């Protein structure tokens, strides 16, 4: 499966605890990554400075569903389930 154009849910919904160029403290859940371009595509895709957690998150039918709203809900739930107590 390939990323859906104009989505960017995986770069918005989850928190990222490692540094991102332009966001040295990472980012909280729900915040749009500074590395998303105007088409909601990652400007760091395929580059070594892309955080490992980002590279490990691959598009899949259960995550992406039928649109961005589904992906945001799915990733938000994953964020809730993996949040430290």
PDB file of N, CA and C in Angstrom:
ATOM      1  N   UNK A   1       0.858  -1.179   0.000  1.00  0.00           N
ATOM      2  CA  UNK A   1       0.000   0.000   0.000  1.00  0.00           C
ATOM      3  C   UNK A   1       0.897   1.232   0.000  1.00  0.00           C
ATOM      4  N   UNK A   2       0.474   2.264  -0.697  1.00  0.00           N
ATOM      5  CA  UNK A   2       1.206   3.522  -0.743  1.00  0.00           C
ATOM      6  C   UNK A   2       0.449   4.581   0.052  1.00  0.00           C
ATOM      7  N   UNK A   3       1.166   5.593   0.482  1.00  0.00           N
ATOM      8  CA  UNK A   3       0.528   6.686   1.224  1.00  0.00           C
ATOM      9  C   UNK A   3      -0.524   7.367   0.356  1.00  0.00           C
ATOM     10  N   UNK A   4      -1.621   7.739   1.016  1.00  0.00           N
ATOM     11  CA  UNK A   4      -2.702   8.450   0.349  1.00  0.00           C
ATOM     12  C   UNK A   4      -2.309   9.919   0.206  1.00  0.00           C
ATOM     13  N   UNK A   5      -2.387  10.460  -0.981  1.00  0.00           N
ATOM     14  CA  UNK A   5      -2.062  11.884  -1.152  1.00  0.00           C
ATOM     15  C   UNK A   5      -2.948  12.758  -0.270  1.00  0.00           C
ATOM     16  N   UNK A   6      -2.350  13.783   0.304  1.00  0.00           N
ATOM     17  CA  UNK A   6      -3.106  14.738   1.098  1.00  0.00           C
ATOM     18  C   UNK A   6      -3.507  14.269   2.470  1.00  0.00           C
ATOM     19  N   UNK A   7      -2.956  13.173   2.971  1.00  0.00           N
ATOM     20  CA  UNK A   7      -3.357  12.642   4.270  1.00  0.00           C
ATOM     21  C   UNK A   7      -2.502  13.220   5.399  1.00  0.00           C
ATOM     22  N   UNK A   8      -1.296  12.743   5.553  1.00  0.00           N
ATOM     23  CA  UNK A   8      -0.403  13.221   6.603  1.00  0.00           C
ATOM     24  C   UNK A   8      -0.796  12.832   8.011  1.00  0.00           C
ATOM     25  N   UNK A   9      -1.744  11.904   8.175  1.00  0.00           N
ATOM     26  CA  UNK A   9      -2.191  11.512   9.513  1.00  0.00           C
ATOM     27  C   UNK A   9      -1.055  10.927  10.345  1.00  0.00           C
ATOM     28  N   UNK A  10      -0.193  10.128   9.732  1.00  0.00           N
ATOM     29  CA  UNK A  10       0.891   9.500  10.482  1.00  0.00           C
ATOM     30  C   UNK A  10       1.946  10.514  10.908  1.00  0.00           C
ATOM     31  N   UNK A  11       1.908  11.702  10.353  1.00  0.00           N
ATOM     32  CA  UNK A  11       2.837  12.777  10.720  1.00  0.00           C
ATOM     33  C   UNK A  11       2.152  13.815  11.604  1.00  0.00           C
ATOM     34  N   UNK A  12       0.929  13.533  11.998  1.00  0.00           N
ATOM     35  CA  UNK A  12       0.163  14.453  12.838  1.00  0.00           C
ATOM     36  C   UNK A  12      -0.314  13.761  14.116  1.00  0.00           C
ATOM     37  N   UNK A  13      -0.963  12.614  13.985  1.00  0.00           N
ATOM     38  CA  UNK A  13      -1.608  11.965  15.129  1.00  0.00           C
ATOM     39  C   UNK A  13      -0.642  11.487  16.212  1.00  0.00           C
ATOM     40  N   UNK A  14       0.422  10.764  15.882  1.00  0.00           N
ATOM     41  CA  UNK A  14       1.267  10.224  16.960  1.00  0.00           C
ATOM     42  C   UNK A  14       2.251  11.242  17.524  1.00  0.00           C
ATOM     43  N   UNK A  15       2.640  10.993  18.774  1.00  0.00           N
ATOM     44  CA  UNK A  15       3.734  11.770  19.354  1.00  0.00           C
ATOM     45  C   UNK A  15       5.044  11.180  18.841  1.00  0.00           C
ATOM     46  N   UNK A  16       6.070  12.005  18.802  1.00  0.00           N
ATOM     47  CA  UNK A  16       7.408  11.551  18.428  1.00  0.00           C
ATOM     48  C   UNK A  16       8.336  12.084  19.507  1.00  0.00           C
ATOM     49  N   UNK A  17       9.004  11.171  20.211  1.00  0.00           N
ATOM     50  CA  UNK A  17       9.830  11.570  21.354  1.00  0.00           C
ATOM     51  C   UNK A  17      11.282  11.830  20.981  1.00  0.00           C
ATOM     52  N   UNK A  18      11.653  11.576  19.747  1.00  0.00           N
ATOM     53  CA  UNK A  18      13.026  11.806  19.315  1.00  0.00           C
ATOM     54  C   UNK A  18      13.093  13.107  18.509  1.00  0.00           C
ATOM     55  N   UNK A  19      14.289  13.680  18.403  1.00  0.00           N
ATOM     56  CA  UNK A  19      14.422  14.934  17.647  1.00  0.00           C
ATOM     57  C   UNK A  19      14.043  14.774  16.174  1.00  0.00           C
ATOM     58  N   UNK A  20      13.446  15.822  15.655  1.00  0.00           N
ATOM     59  CA  UNK A  20      13.099  15.950  14.241  1.00  0.00           C
ATOM     60  C   UNK A  20      13.771  17.250  13.799  1.00  0.00           C
ATOM     61  N   UNK A  21      14.403  17.309  12.641  1.00  0.00           N
ATOM     62  CA  UNK A  21      14.943  18.595  12.206  1.00  0.00           C
ATOM     63  C   UNK A  21      13.867  19.688  12.254  1.00  0.00           C
ATOM     64  N   UNK A  22      14.159  20.739  12.982  1.00  0.00           N
ATOM     65  CA  UNK A  22      13.193  21.816  13.167  1.00  0.00           C
ATOM     66  C   UNK A  22      12.326  21.642  14.399  1.00  0.00           C
ATOM     67  N   UNK A  23      12.357  20.453  15.009  1.00  0.00           N
ATOM     68  CA  UNK A  23      11.603  20.159  16.228  1.00  0.00           C
ATOM     69  C   UNK A  23      12.521  19.335  17.136  1.00  0.00           C
ATOM     70  N   UNK A  24      13.510  19.960  17.760  1.00  0.00           N
ATOM     71  CA  UNK A  24      14.518  19.206  18.511  1.00  0.00           C
ATOM     72  C   UNK A  24      13.975  18.404  19.692  1.00  0.00           C
ATOM     73  N   UNK A  25      12.822  18.773  20.206  1.00  0.00           N
ATOM     74  CA  UNK A  25      12.211  18.035  21.308  1.00  0.00           C
ATOM     75  C   UNK A  25      11.185  17.016  20.850  1.00  0.00           C
ATOM     76  N   UNK A  26      11.135  16.722  19.548  1.00  0.00           N
ATOM     77  CA  UNK A  26      10.103  15.851  19.016  1.00  0.00           C
ATOM     78  C   UNK A  26       8.801  16.627  18.884  1.00  0.00           C
ATOM     79  N   UNK A  27       7.675  15.917  18.941  1.00  0.00           N
ATOM     80  CA  UNK A  27       6.381  16.595  18.839  1.00  0.00           C
ATOM     81  C   UNK A  27       5.318  15.851  19.624  1.00  0.00           C
ATOM     82  N   UNK A  28       4.354  16.569  20.181  1.00  0.00           N
ATOM     83  CA  UNK A  28       3.260  15.903  20.886  1.00  0.00           C
ATOM     84  C   UNK A  28       2.240  15.332  19.906  1.00  0.00           C
ATOM     85  N   UNK A  29       1.450  14.393  20.400  1.00  0.00           N
ATOM     86  CA  UNK A  29       0.373  13.815  19.603  1.00  0.00           C
ATOM     87  C   UNK A  29      -0.581  14.913  19.164  1.00  0.00           C
ATOM     88  N   UNK A  30      -1.020  14.827  17.920  1.00  0.00           N
ATOM     89  CA  UNK A  30      -1.986  15.775  17.388  1.00  0.00           C
ATOM     90  C   UNK A  30      -1.377  17.007  16.748  1.00  0.00           C
ATOM     91  N   UNK A  31      -0.089  17.211  16.904  1.00  0.00           N
ATOM     92  CA  UNK A  31       0.580  18.361  16.300  1.00  0.00           C
ATOM     93  C   UNK A  31       1.133  17.970  14.934  1.00  0.00           C
ATOM     94  N   UNK A  32       0.917  18.813  13.961  1.00  0.00           N
ATOM     95  CA  UNK A  32       1.435  18.584  12.611  1.00  0.00           C
ATOM     96  C   UNK A  32       2.952  18.709  12.633  1.00  0.00           C
ATOM     97  N   UNK A  33       3.648  17.742  12.054  1.00  0.00           N
ATOM     98  CA  UNK A  33       5.103  17.788  11.981  1.00  0.00           C
ATOM     99  C   UNK A  33       5.541  18.932  11.078  1.00  0.00           C
ATOM    100  N   UNK A  34       6.559  19.617  11.490  1.00  0.00           N
ATOM    101  CA  UNK A  34       7.095  20.730  10.706  1.00  0.00           C
ATOM    102  C   UNK A  34       7.652  20.263   9.365  1.00  0.00           C
ATOM    103  N   UNK A  35       7.951  18.976   9.241  1.00  0.00           N
ATOM    104  CA  UNK A  35       8.529  18.441   8.013  1.00  0.00           C
ATOM    105  C   UNK A  35       7.496  18.006   6.980  1.00  0.00           C
ATOM    106  N   UNK A  36       6.213  18.248   7.238  1.00  0.00           N
ATOM    107  CA  UNK A  36       5.185  17.985   6.231  1.00  0.00           C
ATOM    108  C   UNK A  36       5.159  19.144   5.243  1.00  0.00           C
ATOM    109  N   UNK A  37       5.126  18.825   3.959  1.00  0.00           N
ATOM    110  CA  UNK A  37       5.052  19.894   2.968  1.00  0.00           C
ATOM    111  C   UNK A  37       3.592  20.278   2.713  1.00  0.00           C
ATOM    112  N   UNK A  38       3.357  21.168   1.775  1.00  0.00           N
ATOM    113  CA  UNK A  38       2.001  21.660   1.497  1.00  0.00           C
ATOM    114  C   UNK A  38       1.071  20.581   0.944  1.00  0.00           C
ATOM    115  N   UNK A  39       1.647  19.468   0.455  1.00  0.00           N
ATOM    116  CA  UNK A  39       0.847  18.336  -0.028  1.00  0.00           C
ATOM    117  C   UNK A  39       0.717  17.233   1.013  1.00  0.00           C
ATOM    118  N   UNK A  40       1.094  17.530   2.262  1.00  0.00           N
ATOM    119  CA  UNK A  40       1.050  16.563   3.367  1.00  0.00           C
ATOM    120  C   UNK A  40       2.001  15.384   3.130  1.00  0.00           C
ATOM    121  N   UNK A  41       3.118  15.640   2.514  1.00  0.00           N
ATOM    122  CA  UNK A  41       4.159  14.632   2.274  1.00  0.00           C
ATOM    123  C   UNK A  41       5.372  14.979   3.121  1.00  0.00           C
ATOM    124  N   UNK A  42       6.069  13.946   3.599  1.00  0.00           N
ATOM    125  CA  UNK A  42       7.253  14.136   4.441  1.00  0.00           C
ATOM    126  C   UNK A  42       8.435  14.636   3.616  1.00  0.00           C
ATOM    127  N   UNK A  43       9.002  15.751   4.042  1.00  0.00           N
ATOM    128  CA  UNK A  43      10.170  16.301   3.357  1.00  0.00           C
ATOM    129  C   UNK A  43      11.434  15.509   3.667  1.00  0.00           C
ATOM    130  N   UNK A  44      11.381  14.645   4.698  1.00  0.00           N
ATOM    131  CA  UNK A  44      12.552  13.851   5.088  1.00  0.00           C
ATOM    132  C   UNK A  44      12.480  12.410   4.596  1.00  0.00           C
ATOM    133  N   UNK A  45      11.430  12.064   3.882  1.00  0.00           N
ATOM    134  CA  UNK A  45      11.240  10.676   3.450  1.00  0.00           C
ATOM    135  C   UNK A  45      12.487  10.177   2.718  1.00  0.00           C
ATOM    136  N   UNK A  46      13.005   9.018   3.177  1.00  0.00           N
ATOM    137  CA  UNK A  46      14.174   8.409   2.560  1.00  0.00           C
ATOM    138  C   UNK A  46      15.500   9.028   2.952  1.00  0.00           C
ATOM    139  N   UNK A  47      15.482  10.012   3.838  1.00  0.00           N
ATOM    140  CA  UNK A  47      16.721  10.676   4.253  1.00  0.00           C
ATOM    141  C   UNK A  47      17.148  10.174   5.626  1.00  0.00           C
ATOM    142  N   UNK A  48      18.443  10.162   5.902  1.00  0.00           N
ATOM    143  CA  UNK A  48      18.932   9.609   7.175  1.00  0.00           C
ATOM    144  C   UNK A  48      18.475  10.383   8.406  1.00  0.00           C
ATOM    145  N   UNK A  49      18.132  11.645   8.278  1.00  0.00           N
ATOM    146  CA  UNK A  49      17.700  12.422   9.442  1.00  0.00           C
ATOM    147  C   UNK A  49      16.232  12.192   9.810  1.00  0.00           C
ATOM    148  N   UNK A  50      15.545  11.413   9.022  1.00  0.00           N
ATOM    149  CA  UNK A  50      14.160  11.058   9.353  1.00  0.00           C
ATOM    150  C   UNK A  50      14.164  10.159  10.593  1.00  0.00           C
ATOM    151  N   UNK A  51      13.361  10.467  11.614  1.00  0.00           N
ATOM    152  CA  UNK A  51      13.344   9.641  12.823  1.00  0.00           C
ATOM    153  C   UNK A  51      13.010   8.177  12.518  1.00  0.00           C
ATOM    154  N   UNK A  52      13.655   7.285  13.245  1.00  0.00           N
ATOM    155  CA  UNK A  52      13.448   5.845  13.040  1.00  0.00           C
ATOM    156  C   UNK A  52      11.984   5.455  13.230  1.00  0.00           C
ATOM    157  N   UNK A  53      11.309   6.070  14.187  1.00  0.00           N
ATOM    158  CA  UNK A  53       9.898   5.739  14.425  1.00  0.00           C
ATOM    159  C   UNK A  53       9.054   6.061  13.198  1.00  0.00           C
ATOM    160  N   UNK A  54       9.399   7.109  12.501  1.00  0.00           N
ATOM    161  CA  UNK A  54       8.662   7.483  11.293  1.00  0.00           C
ATOM    162  C   UNK A  54       8.890   6.453  10.190  1.00  0.00           C
ATOM    163  N   UNK A  55      10.139   6.046  10.031  1.00  0.00           N
ATOM    164  CA  UNK A  55      10.467   5.071   9.000  1.00  0.00           C
ATOM    165  C   UNK A  55       9.830   3.715   9.283  1.00  0.00           C
ATOM    166  N   UNK A  56       9.555   3.421  10.552  1.00  0.00           N
ATOM    167  CA  UNK A  56       8.977   2.119  10.901  1.00  0.00           C
ATOM    168  C   UNK A  56       7.463   2.067  10.712  1.00  0.00           C
ATOM    169  N   UNK A  57       6.811   3.206  10.579  1.00  0.00           N
ATOM    170  CA  UNK A  57       5.354   3.256  10.416  1.00  0.00           C
ATOM    171  C   UNK A  57       5.018   3.189   8.935  1.00  0.00           C
ATOM    172  N   UNK A  58       4.496   2.056   8.508  1.00  0.00           N
ATOM    173  CA  UNK A  58       4.199   1.817   7.098  1.00  0.00           C
ATOM    174  C   UNK A  58       2.699   1.857   6.857  1.00  0.00           C
ATOM    175  N   UNK A  59       2.261   2.427   5.736  1.00  0.00           N
ATOM    176  CA  UNK A  59       0.828   2.452   5.445  1.00  0.00           C
ATOM    177  C   UNK A  59       0.272   1.039   5.303  1.00  0.00           C
ATOM    178  N   UNK A  60      -0.917   0.847   5.857  1.00  0.00           N
ATOM    179  CA  UNK A  60      -1.586  -0.444   5.807  1.00  0.00           C
ATOM    180  C   UNK A  60      -3.097  -0.205   5.826  1.00  0.00           C
ATOM    181  N   UNK A  61      -3.859  -1.102   5.207  1.00  0.00           N
ATOM    182  CA  UNK A  61      -5.315  -0.905   5.148  1.00  0.00           C
ATOM    183  C   UNK A  61      -5.979  -0.707   6.510  1.00  0.00           C
ATOM    184  N   UNK A  62      -5.550  -1.447   7.545  1.00  0.00           N
ATOM    185  CA  UNK A  62      -6.199  -1.295   8.849  1.00  0.00           C
ATOM    186  C   UNK A  62      -5.902   0.067   9.471  1.00  0.00           C
ATOM    187  N   UNK A  63      -4.731   0.618   9.217  1.00  0.00           N
ATOM    188  CA  UNK A  63      -4.388   1.926   9.752  1.00  0.00           C
ATOM    189  C   UNK A  63      -5.001   3.037   8.902  1.00  0.00           C
ATOM    190  N   UNK A  64      -4.847   2.955   7.612  1.00  0.00           N
ATOM    191  CA  UNK A  64      -5.246   4.049   6.720  1.00  0.00           C
ATOM    192  C   UNK A  64      -6.738   4.072   6.438  1.00  0.00           C
ATOM    193  N   UNK A  65      -7.367   2.892   6.433  1.00  0.00           N
ATOM    194  CA  UNK A  65      -8.803   2.829   6.205  1.00  0.00           C
ATOM    195  C   UNK A  65      -9.213   3.495   4.911  1.00  0.00           C
ATOM    196  N   UNK A  66     -10.348   4.191   4.955  1.00  0.00           N
ATOM    197  CA  UNK A  66     -10.884   4.807   3.740  1.00  0.00           C
ATOM    198  C   UNK A  66     -10.601   6.298   3.642  1.00  0.00           C
ATOM    199  N   UNK A  67      -9.831   6.833   4.590  1.00  0.00           N
ATOM    200  CA  UNK A  67      -9.514   8.255   4.515  1.00  0.00           C
ATOM    201  C   UNK A  67      -8.741   8.745   5.718  1.00  0.00           C
ATOM    202  N   UNK A  68      -8.378  10.005   5.682  1.00  0.00           N
ATOM    203  CA  UNK A  68      -7.578  10.622   6.734  1.00  0.00           C
ATOM    204  C   UNK A  68      -8.249  10.543   8.102  1.00  0.00           C
ATOM    205  N   UNK A  69      -9.550  10.722   8.149  1.00  0.00           N
ATOM    206  CA  UNK A  69     -10.261  10.691   9.426  1.00  0.00           C
ATOM    207  C   UNK A  69     -10.110   9.328  10.098  1.00  0.00           C
ATOM    208  N   UNK A  70     -10.233   8.250   9.314  1.00  0.00           N
ATOM    209  CA  UNK A  70     -10.044   6.910   9.862  1.00  0.00           C
ATOM    210  C   UNK A  70      -8.624   6.772  10.402  1.00  0.00           C
ATOM    211  N   UNK A  71      -7.630   7.195   9.618  1.00  0.00           N
ATOM    212  CA  UNK A  71      -6.235   7.086  10.033  1.00  0.00           C
ATOM    213  C   UNK A  71      -5.969   7.887  11.303  1.00  0.00           C
ATOM    214  N   UNK A  72      -6.540   9.061  11.418  1.00  0.00           N
ATOM    215  CA  UNK A  72      -6.353   9.871  12.620  1.00  0.00           C
ATOM    216  C   UNK A  72      -6.938   9.175  13.845  1.00  0.00           C
ATOM    217  N   UNK A  73      -8.129   8.585  13.709  1.00  0.00           N
ATOM    218  CA  UNK A  73      -8.737   7.854  14.830  1.00  0.00           C
ATOM    219  C   UNK A  73      -7.900   6.634  15.201  1.00  0.00           C
ATOM    220  N   UNK A  74      -7.482   5.844  14.212  1.00  0.00           N
ATOM    221  CA  UNK A  74      -6.711   4.612  14.441  1.00  0.00           C
ATOM    222  C   UNK A  74      -5.390   4.952  15.131  1.00  0.00           C
ATOM    223  N   UNK A  75      -4.692   5.945  14.606  1.00  0.00           N
ATOM    224  CA  UNK A  75      -3.406   6.329  15.187  1.00  0.00           C
ATOM    225  C   UNK A  75      -3.583   6.972  16.562  1.00  0.00           C
ATOM    226  N   UNK A  76      -4.659   7.705  16.750  1.00  0.00           N
ATOM    227  CA  UNK A  76      -4.947   8.277  18.060  1.00  0.00           C
ATOM    228  C   UNK A  76      -5.182   7.200  19.099  1.00  0.00           C
ATOM    229  N   UNK A  77      -5.879   6.159  18.709  1.00  0.00           N
ATOM    230  CA  UNK A  77      -6.106   5.041  19.635  1.00  0.00           C
ATOM    231  C   UNK A  77      -4.792   4.338  19.945  1.00  0.00           C
ATOM    232  N   UNK A  78      -3.969   4.125  18.943  1.00  0.00           N
ATOM    233  CA  UNK A  78      -2.651   3.519  19.160  1.00  0.00           C
ATOM    234  C   UNK A  78      -1.819   4.386  20.106  1.00  0.00           C
ATOM    235  N   UNK A  79      -1.883   5.678  19.933  1.00  0.00           N
ATOM    236  CA  UNK A  79      -1.179   6.608  20.822  1.00  0.00           C
ATOM    237  C   UNK A  79      -1.669   6.427  22.255  1.00  0.00           C
ATOM    238  N   UNK A  80      -2.984   6.358  22.449  1.00  0.00           N
ATOM    239  CA  UNK A  80      -3.549   6.160  23.792  1.00  0.00           C
ATOM    240  C   UNK A  80      -3.104   4.839  24.404  1.00  0.00           C
ATOM    241  N   UNK A  81      -3.100   3.778  23.604  1.00  0.00           N
ATOM    242  CA  UNK A  81      -2.736   2.444  24.117  1.00  0.00           C
ATOM    243  C   UNK A  81      -1.259   2.313  24.454  1.00  0.00           C
ATOM    244  N   UNK A  82      -0.422   3.133  23.862  1.00  0.00           N
ATOM    245  CA  UNK A  82       1.025   3.003  24.093  1.00  0.00           C
ATOM    246  C   UNK A  82       1.593   4.120  24.958  1.00  0.00           C
ATOM    247  N   UNK A  83       0.749   5.014  25.433  1.00  0.00           N
ATOM    248  CA  UNK A  83       1.200   6.121  26.286  1.00  0.00           C
ATOM    249  C   UNK A  83       1.668   5.559  27.643  1.00  0.00           C
ATOM    250  N   UNK A  84       2.861   5.976  28.085  1.00  0.00           N
ATOM    251  CA  UNK A  84       3.329   5.511  29.408  1.00  0.00           C
ATOM    252  C   UNK A  84       2.356   5.926  30.519  1.00  0.00           C
ATOM    253  N   UNK A  85       2.235   5.073  31.492  1.00  0.00           N
ATOM    254  CA  UNK A  85       1.306   5.332  32.619  1.00  0.00           C
ATOM    255  C   UNK A  85       1.798   6.432  33.519  1.00  0.00           C
TER     256      UNK A  85
END
